[in-house]
Amino acid sequence: MNTPYLGLIEGFFGRSWSFAVRYDYADFLQKNGYHFYIYAPKNDPFLRKRWQEDWPAAAFAQLQTLVTHYQSLGLDFGIGLSPFEIYTNYDRSARNHLHKKIAVFNRLRINTLCVLFDDMRGDLPDLAQTQTAIIHDILEQTGADRVIMCPTYYSFDPVLETVFGSRPTNYFQDIAQGIPAAVDMLWTGPQVCSQEYPASHLQEVTQLLGRKPFLWDNYPVNDGQITSKFLHLKAFEHRPGSLSDMTAGHAVNPMNQPWLSRIPLLSLPRCYAQGHRYNPQQATQEAITQLCEKKLAQHIIDDMELLHTQGLDRIDPVKKKALVQKYSSFDSPYAQEIVAWLNEEYTFDPSCLTS
């Protein structure tokens, strides 16, 4: 069995993490079996809608600090560029803007560059050919060790065609043929938010893409209109160690709540390492008790079904008030995030269309 290449991709919509949180996450990831972090928040306009523009000097300096810190701990640092609908008019001006952006990334000395064509219109006849040309131009310019592409259609989930238009004929075959095998491709599985990754599915995708998929795992992310009503605190399930032989890597998309995300994140490397001995219920309790003080941990365990399964809309006002009072009594970032979620401070971003 290969050693899994595990990491975090901050790739969600809505309330993003602070730079202080991102800085502290390096130590957590390094100590708990992860290998990389990719900075790709959907609400960073300089990676998405305003990608042609430079970051303000202060933001660039913060990114420089992050890159240096992660790399000093032996972690790979990546950036996810979403050049919004660049392929609708990939002319000389667009190429010049792209080359300028790549030069900025080169100044940061990132390890990984993700080119994210997700969550954009896709019903264009020359989509694959234009995206192939963009990737080839990037490969000529980038100093990153690894380039990863997210196709516009990154799952067989029909919701993608419902939201972003009909997938062009032979889209997967064309990008597989046109894009060098050294470029990894992100894939979310059978669905946008997949519960499991059957071996037969991964084999089919490997043949289709001409390479092993690089998993974009949309658990425990909770940025969707429905999922924002839940705190996904339970341990990972259905991620057997055999995935490491069938994938190029495994990137986890966390929740908007960075501290609470640590609870499920703590379990994924164990899920890989323990194989058939892995018990998700036990892993959940062990993670909570490891990260939180004893009394708070017991409250979270006791309230797990309310927070994880029942969800915000089904907690009656009296119970919600009692929960707020209970968790407000703790001087803990884990408790503070639960209170903020109960008070509906994590506002849904309607830009998120698929969950």
Protein backbone atom coordinates (compact mmCIF):
# COMPACT_ATOMS: atom_id res chain seq x y z
CA MET A 1 0.00 0.00 0.00
CA ASN A 2 1.30 3.44 -0.94
CA THR A 3 1.69 6.18 1.64
CA PRO A 4 -1.34 8.47 1.24
CA TYR A 5 -0.66 12.09 0.24
CA LEU A 6 -3.15 13.85 2.50
CA GLY A 7 -3.90 17.52 2.85
CA LEU A 8 -6.34 20.35 3.27
CA ILE A 9 -7.84 22.59 0.61
CA GLU A 10 -9.49 25.72 1.95
CA GLY A 11 -11.91 25.77 -0.95
CA PHE A 12 -15.30 26.66 0.45
CA PHE A 13 -17.74 29.54 0.01
CA GLY A 14 -18.85 31.92 2.73
CA ARG A 15 -16.99 33.00 5.86
CA SER A 16 -13.35 32.13 5.35
CA TRP A 17 -10.60 31.54 7.87
CA SER A 18 -8.32 34.22 9.25
CA PHE A 19 -4.61 34.29 8.46
CA ALA A 20 -3.89 33.61 12.13
CA VAL A 21 -5.98 30.42 11.94
CA ARG A 22 -4.24 29.37 8.73
CA TYR A 23 -0.85 29.93 10.34
CA ASP A 24 -1.74 27.81 13.38
CA TYR A 25 -3.14 25.05 11.18
CA ALA A 26 0.33 24.23 9.90
CA ASP A 27 1.34 22.77 13.23
CA PHE A 28 -1.92 20.80 13.53
CA LEU A 29 -1.56 19.32 10.05
CA GLN A 30 2.10 18.48 10.45
CA LYS A 31 1.59 16.70 13.78
CA ASN A 32 -1.41 14.69 12.62
CA GLY A 33 -0.32 13.02 9.40
CA TYR A 34 -1.08 15.60 6.71
CA HIS A 35 1.31 16.70 3.99
CA PHE A 36 -0.06 19.83 2.29
CA TYR A 37 -2.32 22.87 2.52
CA ILE A 38 -3.90 24.66 -0.46
CA TYR A 39 -5.09 28.23 -0.11
CA ALA A 40 -8.18 28.58 -2.32
CA PRO A 41 -11.01 30.37 -0.46
CA LYS A 42 -13.86 31.16 -2.81
CA ASN A 43 -14.24 34.66 -1.36
CA ASP A 44 -10.71 35.78 -2.18
CA PRO A 45 -11.55 37.98 -5.19
CA PHE A 46 -7.93 38.04 -6.35
CA LEU A 47 -8.14 34.30 -7.02
CA ARG A 48 -11.56 34.36 -8.66
CA LYS A 49 -13.67 37.24 -10.02
CA ARG A 50 -10.78 39.76 -9.88
CA TRP A 51 -8.01 37.28 -10.55
CA GLN A 52 -6.33 39.62 -13.03
CA GLU A 53 -5.53 42.03 -10.17
CA ASP A 54 -2.70 41.75 -7.66
CA TRP A 55 -3.30 41.19 -3.98
CA PRO A 56 -2.83 44.29 -1.84
CA ALA A 57 0.68 44.44 -0.39
CA ALA A 58 -0.47 43.46 3.11
CA ALA A 59 -2.29 40.36 1.89
CA PHE A 60 0.67 39.31 -0.25
CA ALA A 61 2.97 39.66 2.76
CA GLN A 62 0.66 37.47 4.81
CA LEU A 63 0.72 34.82 2.11
CA GLN A 64 4.52 34.97 2.01
CA THR A 65 4.57 34.35 5.75
CA LEU A 66 2.23 31.38 5.37
CA VAL A 67 4.30 29.81 2.61
CA THR A 68 7.51 30.11 4.61
CA HIS A 69 5.89 28.75 7.77
CA TYR A 70 4.31 25.70 6.13
CA GLN A 71 7.44 24.83 4.22
CA SER A 72 9.57 25.18 7.36
CA LEU A 73 7.47 22.36 8.86
CA GLY A 74 7.95 20.16 5.81
CA LEU A 75 4.46 20.79 4.42
CA ASP A 76 3.74 21.60 0.79
CA PHE A 77 1.95 24.91 0.25
CA GLY A 78 -0.39 25.38 -2.67
CA ILE A 79 -2.63 28.04 -4.14
CA GLY A 80 -5.86 27.47 -6.05
CA LEU A 81 -6.46 29.89 -8.91
CA SER A 82 -10.01 30.13 -10.27
CA PRO A 83 -9.56 32.39 -13.33
CA PHE A 84 -13.26 33.07 -13.68
CA GLU A 85 -14.52 32.00 -17.11
CA ILE A 86 -11.16 32.81 -18.71
CA TYR A 87 -11.92 30.16 -21.32
CA THR A 88 -14.87 32.13 -22.74
CA ASN A 89 -12.40 34.54 -24.36
CA TYR A 90 -8.84 33.29 -24.07
CA ASP A 91 -7.22 36.01 -26.14
CA ARG A 92 -3.85 37.77 -25.95
CA SER A 93 -5.01 40.00 -23.10
CA ALA A 94 -6.18 37.01 -21.06
CA ARG A 95 -2.86 35.24 -21.68
CA ASN A 96 -0.91 38.29 -20.54
CA HIS A 97 -2.96 38.55 -17.35
CA LEU A 98 -2.44 34.84 -16.71
CA HIS A 99 1.32 35.07 -17.19
CA LYS A 100 1.42 38.03 -14.81
CA LYS A 101 -0.50 36.06 -12.18
CA ILE A 102 1.79 33.05 -12.52
CA ALA A 103 4.76 35.36 -11.99
CA VAL A 104 3.20 36.48 -8.70
CA PHE A 105 2.82 32.85 -7.60
CA ASN A 106 6.44 32.21 -8.58
CA ARG A 107 7.51 35.03 -6.28
CA LEU A 108 5.74 33.22 -3.45
CA ARG A 109 7.67 30.00 -4.28
CA ILE A 110 4.63 27.78 -3.84
CA ASN A 111 4.96 24.01 -4.15
CA THR A 112 1.61 23.37 -5.82
CA LEU A 113 -0.53 25.33 -8.23
CA CYS A 114 -4.17 24.29 -8.57
CA VAL A 115 -6.02 25.59 -11.61
CA LEU A 116 -9.67 25.42 -10.69
CA PHE A 117 -12.25 25.48 -13.47
CA ASP A 118 -15.04 24.40 -11.10
CA ASP A 119 -18.25 26.31 -10.36
CA MET A 120 -18.25 28.07 -13.73
CA ARG A 121 -20.25 27.78 -16.92
CA GLY A 122 -19.27 24.74 -18.97
CA ASP A 123 -21.62 24.42 -21.94
CA LEU A 124 -19.10 25.59 -24.54
CA PRO A 125 -18.16 23.41 -27.53
CA ASP A 126 -14.41 24.14 -27.30
CA LEU A 127 -14.21 23.96 -23.49
CA ALA A 128 -11.71 21.09 -23.34
CA GLN A 129 -9.49 22.50 -26.07
CA THR A 130 -9.32 25.96 -24.48
CA GLN A 131 -8.68 24.59 -21.00
CA THR A 132 -5.92 22.41 -22.46
CA ALA A 133 -4.29 25.47 -24.01
CA ILE A 134 -4.49 27.31 -20.68
CA ILE A 135 -2.83 24.44 -18.82
CA HIS A 136 -0.03 24.24 -21.39
CA ASP A 137 0.60 27.97 -21.05
CA ILE A 138 0.72 27.63 -17.26
CA LEU A 139 3.16 24.72 -17.45
CA GLU A 140 5.53 26.89 -19.46
CA GLN A 141 5.42 29.63 -16.83
CA THR A 142 5.02 28.10 -13.39
CA GLY A 143 7.80 27.32 -10.96
CA ALA A 144 5.54 25.04 -8.89
CA ASP A 145 6.58 21.41 -8.48
CA ARG A 146 3.04 20.13 -8.95
CA VAL A 147 0.14 21.37 -11.08
CA ILE A 148 -3.36 20.13 -10.35
CA MET A 149 -6.41 20.90 -12.50
CA CYS A 150 -10.02 20.80 -11.42
CA PRO A 151 -12.21 20.18 -14.47
CA THR A 152 -15.47 22.09 -14.85
CA TYR A 153 -17.19 18.73 -14.54
CA TYR A 154 -15.46 17.07 -11.59
CA SER A 155 -18.00 14.35 -10.84
CA PHE A 156 -20.71 12.36 -12.60
CA ASP A 157 -23.24 14.10 -10.34
CA PRO A 158 -26.06 15.41 -12.61
CA VAL A 159 -26.31 18.58 -10.51
CA LEU A 160 -23.25 19.95 -12.31
CA GLU A 161 -25.00 19.93 -15.68
CA THR A 162 -28.16 21.30 -14.10
CA VAL A 163 -26.28 24.30 -12.69
CA PHE A 164 -23.45 24.88 -15.17
CA GLY A 165 -24.89 23.62 -18.44
CA SER A 166 -24.56 20.46 -20.50
CA ARG A 167 -21.12 18.89 -20.55
CA PRO A 168 -19.58 19.10 -24.03
CA THR A 169 -19.34 15.86 -25.97
CA ASN A 170 -16.13 13.93 -25.19
CA TYR A 171 -15.09 16.53 -22.59
CA PHE A 172 -13.30 14.01 -20.36
CA GLN A 173 -11.66 12.20 -23.25
CA ASP A 174 -10.40 15.46 -24.76
CA ILE A 175 -8.81 16.80 -21.58
CA ALA A 176 -7.32 13.38 -20.86
CA GLN A 177 -5.67 13.37 -24.28
CA GLY A 178 -4.64 17.03 -24.32
CA ILE A 179 -3.30 17.57 -20.81
CA PRO A 180 0.01 15.93 -19.85
CA ALA A 181 -0.25 12.97 -17.49
CA ALA A 182 2.01 14.78 -15.01
CA VAL A 183 -0.86 17.19 -14.31
CA ASP A 184 -3.15 15.78 -11.63
CA MET A 185 -6.93 16.16 -11.87
CA LEU A 186 -9.25 16.79 -8.94
CA TRP A 187 -12.36 14.65 -8.61
CA THR A 188 -15.07 14.68 -5.93
CA GLY A 189 -16.33 11.15 -6.53
CA PRO A 190 -19.74 9.82 -7.58
CA GLN A 191 -21.36 12.97 -6.20
CA VAL A 192 -20.25 16.51 -5.45
CA CYS A 193 -20.41 15.52 -1.78
CA SER A 194 -19.59 11.82 -1.88
CA GLN A 195 -20.14 9.48 1.04
CA GLU A 196 -17.73 6.89 -0.33
CA TYR A 197 -15.38 6.15 -3.24
CA PRO A 198 -16.03 2.66 -4.61
CA ALA A 199 -13.07 0.97 -6.28
CA SER A 200 -15.10 0.41 -9.45
CA HIS A 201 -15.84 4.13 -9.66
CA LEU A 202 -12.19 5.13 -9.22
CA GLN A 203 -11.10 2.60 -11.83
CA GLU A 204 -13.61 4.04 -14.30
CA VAL A 205 -12.44 7.59 -13.60
CA THR A 206 -8.77 6.60 -13.93
CA GLN A 207 -9.45 5.16 -17.38
CA LEU A 208 -11.52 8.19 -18.38
CA LEU A 209 -9.01 10.84 -17.21
CA GLY A 210 -5.91 8.90 -18.21
CA ARG A 211 -4.49 9.18 -14.68
CA LYS A 212 -5.43 8.40 -11.09
CA PRO A 213 -7.81 11.04 -9.74
CA PHE A 214 -6.73 13.43 -7.00
CA LEU A 215 -9.61 13.35 -4.53
CA TRP A 216 -11.34 16.59 -3.57
CA ASP A 217 -13.24 15.30 -0.54
CA ASN A 218 -16.24 17.48 0.32
CA TYR A 219 -16.42 16.29 3.89
CA PRO A 220 -16.69 17.89 6.39
CA VAL A 221 -17.38 21.08 4.36
CA ASN A 222 -20.70 22.77 5.25
CA ASP A 223 -20.94 25.85 3.05
CA GLY A 224 -24.08 24.87 1.09
CA GLN A 225 -27.62 26.07 1.60
CA ILE A 226 -28.50 22.76 3.25
CA THR A 227 -25.16 21.73 4.75
CA SER A 228 -24.59 25.09 6.48
CA LYS A 229 -27.32 24.03 8.89
CA PHE A 230 -25.13 21.20 10.21
CA LEU A 231 -21.83 20.83 12.04
CA HIS A 232 -20.08 17.82 10.54
CA LEU A 233 -18.25 16.57 13.61
CA LYS A 234 -18.26 12.82 13.08
CA ALA A 235 -15.15 11.00 11.98
CA PHE A 236 -14.49 10.07 8.36
CA GLU A 237 -16.00 6.82 7.14
CA HIS A 238 -15.69 4.71 3.99
CA ARG A 239 -12.17 5.95 3.18
CA PRO A 240 -10.21 2.68 3.24
CA GLY A 241 -6.45 2.56 3.07
CA SER A 242 -6.69 1.08 -0.42
CA LEU A 243 -7.60 4.57 -1.69
CA SER A 244 -3.92 5.46 -1.54
CA ASP A 245 -3.23 2.94 -4.33
CA MET A 246 -6.07 4.23 -6.49
CA THR A 247 -5.59 8.00 -6.17
CA ALA A 248 -2.88 10.61 -6.65
CA GLY A 249 -3.74 12.35 -3.39
CA HIS A 250 -6.55 13.24 -1.04
CA ALA A 251 -7.52 16.86 -0.34
CA VAL A 252 -10.12 17.56 2.32
CA ASN A 253 -12.38 20.61 2.12
CA PRO A 254 -13.10 21.65 5.74
CA MET A 255 -15.97 23.50 7.39
CA ASN A 256 -16.26 27.25 7.73
CA GLN A 257 -15.55 26.57 11.41
CA PRO A 258 -11.78 25.94 11.58
CA TRP A 259 -11.58 24.71 15.16
CA LEU A 260 -14.49 22.30 14.90
CA SER A 261 -13.07 21.03 11.59
CA ARG A 262 -10.14 19.64 13.55
CA ILE A 263 -12.41 17.01 15.11
CA PRO A 264 -13.15 15.05 11.91
CA LEU A 265 -9.78 15.96 10.37
CA LEU A 266 -8.00 14.19 13.19
CA SER A 267 -9.59 10.92 12.10
CA LEU A 268 -8.68 10.70 8.40
CA PRO A 269 -5.03 9.64 8.73
CA ARG A 270 -6.15 7.08 11.31
CA CYS A 271 -8.80 5.81 8.90
CA TYR A 272 -6.07 5.15 6.33
CA ALA A 273 -3.60 3.68 8.81
CA GLN A 274 -5.89 1.42 10.82
CA GLY A 275 -7.72 -0.25 7.94
CA HIS A 276 -10.27 -2.82 9.08
CA ARG A 277 -9.46 -1.99 12.72
CA TYR A 278 -10.77 1.56 12.28
CA ASN A 279 -13.93 2.36 14.22
CA PRO A 280 -15.48 5.71 13.22
CA GLN A 281 -17.59 6.04 16.36
CA GLN A 282 -14.55 5.44 18.53
CA ALA A 283 -12.49 7.80 16.36
CA THR A 284 -15.05 10.57 16.84
CA GLN A 285 -15.00 10.29 20.60
CA GLU A 286 -11.22 10.02 20.74
CA ALA A 287 -10.81 13.15 18.61
CA ILE A 288 -13.20 15.19 20.73
CA THR A 289 -11.63 14.12 24.01
CA GLN A 290 -8.13 14.77 22.65
CA LEU A 291 -8.93 18.29 21.47
CA CYS A 292 -11.38 19.57 24.08
CA GLU A 293 -11.36 19.76 27.86
CA LYS A 294 -13.19 16.93 29.57
CA LYS A 295 -16.50 18.64 30.42
CA LEU A 296 -16.81 20.35 27.03
CA ALA A 297 -15.91 17.13 25.24
CA GLN A 298 -18.69 15.27 27.03
CA HIS A 299 -21.23 17.96 26.11
CA ILE A 300 -20.26 17.76 22.42
CA ILE A 301 -20.49 13.98 22.48
CA ASP A 302 -23.89 14.16 24.19
CA ASP A 303 -25.17 16.74 21.67
CA MET A 304 -23.69 15.06 18.61
CA GLU A 305 -27.02 14.07 17.07
CA LEU A 306 -28.40 17.60 17.49
CA LEU A 307 -25.35 19.27 15.94
CA HIS A 308 -24.37 16.76 13.27
CA THR A 309 -27.61 14.99 12.32
CA GLN A 310 -30.65 17.02 13.37
CA GLY A 311 -29.35 20.41 12.31
CA LEU A 312 -30.06 24.02 13.08
CA ASP A 313 -33.56 24.30 11.62
CA ARG A 314 -34.89 21.41 13.69
CA ILE A 315 -33.63 22.62 17.07
CA ASP A 316 -36.53 24.31 18.83
CA PRO A 317 -35.97 27.85 20.21
CA VAL A 318 -36.02 26.78 23.85
CA LYS A 319 -33.44 24.06 23.28
CA LYS A 320 -31.32 26.41 21.16
CA LYS A 321 -31.28 29.01 23.93
CA ALA A 322 -30.21 26.37 26.44
CA LEU A 323 -27.43 25.19 24.13
CA VAL A 324 -26.15 28.74 23.66
CA GLN A 325 -26.10 29.25 27.42
CA LYS A 326 -24.33 25.95 28.01
CA TYR A 327 -21.56 26.42 25.45
CA SER A 328 -21.12 30.11 26.28
CA SER A 329 -19.87 29.08 29.70
CA PHE A 330 -16.67 27.64 28.17
CA ASP A 331 -13.60 29.69 27.30
CA SER A 332 -12.81 27.57 24.26
CA PRO A 333 -12.70 28.29 20.51
CA TYR A 334 -14.57 25.02 19.92
CA ALA A 335 -17.44 26.17 22.13
CA GLN A 336 -17.35 29.68 20.66
CA GLU A 337 -17.83 28.28 17.16
CA ILE A 338 -20.80 26.21 18.30
CA VAL A 339 -22.38 29.32 19.83
CA ALA A 340 -21.75 31.36 16.66
CA TRP A 341 -23.33 28.61 14.56
CA LEU A 342 -26.35 28.40 16.87
CA ASN A 343 -26.71 32.18 16.58
CA GLU A 344 -26.68 31.81 12.76
CA GLU A 345 -23.52 33.87 12.33
CA TYR A 346 -22.29 31.62 9.51
CA THR A 347 -24.39 33.15 6.75
CA PHE A 348 -24.96 31.04 3.64
CA ASP A 349 -23.28 32.43 0.53
CA PRO A 350 -25.68 32.01 -2.44
CA SER A 351 -22.63 31.80 -4.75
CA CYS A 352 -22.44 28.18 -3.61
CA LEU A 353 -24.79 26.47 -6.03
CA THR A 354 -24.10 22.77 -5.68
CA SER A 355 -24.73 21.77 -2.04
